[in-house]
C-alpha atoms as a PDB file:
ATOM      1  CA  UNK A   1       0.000   0.000   0.000  1.00  0.00           C
ATOM      2  CA  UNK A   2       1.343   3.414  -0.905  1.00  0.00           C
ATOM      3  CA  UNK A   3       0.817   6.373   1.384  1.00  0.00           C
ATOM      4  CA  UNK A   4      -1.180   8.807  -0.724  1.00  0.00           C
ATOM      5  CA  UNK A   5      -3.429  11.734   0.052  1.00  0.00           C
ATOM      6  CA  UNK A   6      -4.973  11.570   3.492  1.00  0.00           C
ATOM      7  CA  UNK A   7      -2.879   8.547   4.501  1.00  0.00           C
ATOM      8  CA  UNK A   8       0.315  10.505   3.827  1.00  0.00           C
ATOM      9  CA  UNK A   9      -0.887  13.417   5.950  1.00  0.00           C
ATOM     10  CA  UNK A  10      -1.827  11.098   8.806  1.00  0.00           C
ATOM     11  CA  UNK A  11       1.487   9.223   8.491  1.00  0.00           C
ATOM     12  CA  UNK A  12       3.375  12.532   8.665  1.00  0.00           C
ATOM     13  CA  UNK A  13       1.448  13.581  11.784  1.00  0.00           C
ATOM     14  CA  UNK A  14       2.130  10.210  13.414  1.00  0.00           C
ATOM     15  CA  UNK A  15       5.852  10.429  12.561  1.00  0.00           C
ATOM     16  CA  UNK A  16       5.977  13.924  14.057  1.00  0.00           C
ATOM     17  CA  UNK A  17       4.503  12.450  17.244  1.00  0.00           C
ATOM     18  CA  UNK A  18       7.192   9.750  17.253  1.00  0.00           C
ATOM     19  CA  UNK A  19       5.256   6.875  15.663  1.00  0.00           C
ATOM     20  CA  UNK A  20       6.763   5.346  12.512  1.00  0.00           C
ATOM     21  CA  UNK A  21       4.083   2.846  11.526  1.00  0.00           C
ATOM     22  CA  UNK A  22       3.805   0.532   8.516  1.00  0.00           C
ATOM     23  CA  UNK A  23       1.493   1.688   5.696  1.00  0.00           C
ATOM     24  CA  UNK A  24      -1.159  -0.931   6.509  1.00  0.00           C
ATOM     25  CA  UNK A  25      -1.503   0.409  10.057  1.00  0.00           C
ATOM     26  CA  UNK A  26      -1.594   3.995   8.762  1.00  0.00           C
ATOM     27  CA  UNK A  27      -4.418   2.990   6.405  1.00  0.00           C
ATOM     28  CA  UNK A  28      -6.325   1.484   9.349  1.00  0.00           C
ATOM     29  CA  UNK A  29      -5.817   4.663  11.390  1.00  0.00           C
ATOM     30  CA  UNK A  30      -6.988   6.776   8.435  1.00  0.00           C
ATOM     31  CA  UNK A  31     -10.089   4.616   8.000  1.00  0.00           C
ATOM     32  CA  UNK A  32     -10.856   4.841  11.723  1.00  0.00           C
ATOM     33  CA  UNK A  33     -10.372   8.598  11.627  1.00  0.00           C
ATOM     34  CA  UNK A  34     -12.811   8.856   8.726  1.00  0.00           C
ATOM     35  CA  UNK A  35     -15.419   6.792  10.563  1.00  0.00           C
ATOM     36  CA  UNK A  36     -15.041   8.836  13.750  1.00  0.00           C
ATOM     37  CA  UNK A  37     -15.318  12.116  11.834  1.00  0.00           C
ATOM     38  CA  UNK A  38     -18.533  10.903  10.179  1.00  0.00           C
ATOM     39  CA  UNK A  39     -20.068   9.896  13.517  1.00  0.00           C
ATOM     40  CA  UNK A  40     -19.124  13.186  15.167  1.00  0.00           C
ATOM     41  CA  UNK A  41     -20.582  15.135  12.234  1.00  0.00           C
ATOM     42  CA  UNK A  42     -23.905  13.323  12.677  1.00  0.00           C
ATOM     43  CA  UNK A  43     -24.053  14.097  16.389  1.00  0.00           C
ATOM     44  CA  UNK A  44     -23.660  17.844  15.910  1.00  0.00           C
ATOM     45  CA  UNK A  45     -23.151  20.449  18.607  1.00  0.00           C
ATOM     46  CA  UNK A  46     -25.033  20.217  21.914  1.00  0.00           C
ATOM     47  CA  UNK A  47     -28.278  22.127  22.326  1.00  0.00           C
ATOM     48  CA  UNK A  48     -27.912  25.353  24.344  1.00  0.00           C
ATOM     49  CA  UNK A  49     -30.226  24.092  27.084  1.00  0.00           C
ATOM     50  CA  UNK A  50     -27.962  21.053  27.493  1.00  0.00           C
ATOM     51  CA  UNK A  51     -24.981  23.193  28.515  1.00  0.00           C
ATOM     52  CA  UNK A  52     -24.018  23.200  32.184  1.00  0.00           C
ATOM     53  CA  UNK A  53     -24.983  26.205  34.292  1.00  0.00           C
ATOM     54  CA  UNK A  54     -21.305  26.980  34.874  1.00  0.00           C
ATOM     55  CA  UNK A  55     -20.664  27.847  31.221  1.00  0.00           C
ATOM     56  CA  UNK A  56     -18.969  31.240  31.023  1.00  0.00           C
ATOM     57  CA  UNK A  57     -20.714  33.610  28.627  1.00  0.00           C
ATOM     58  CA  UNK A  58     -19.058  37.043  28.546  1.00  0.00           C
ATOM     59  CA  UNK A  59     -21.925  38.535  26.494  1.00  0.00           C
ATOM     60  CA  UNK A  60     -24.462  37.785  29.265  1.00  0.00           C
ATOM     61  CA  UNK A  61     -25.051  40.510  31.833  1.00  0.00           C
ATOM     62  CA  UNK A  62     -24.808  39.613  35.491  1.00  0.00           C
END
């Protein structure tokens, strides 16, 4: 497997962090990253009423 596109970017980030992994593992990490990104995109941001009461909002008057 050649490192191309997204795999190359992920491999470079992993090498920067000190991990020199074989291309098959990098491809697995890239696939897992893609799946996680898709799941997180479906979830979306939390509703405002779901935020904890301790959330700091500088625009709100006291």
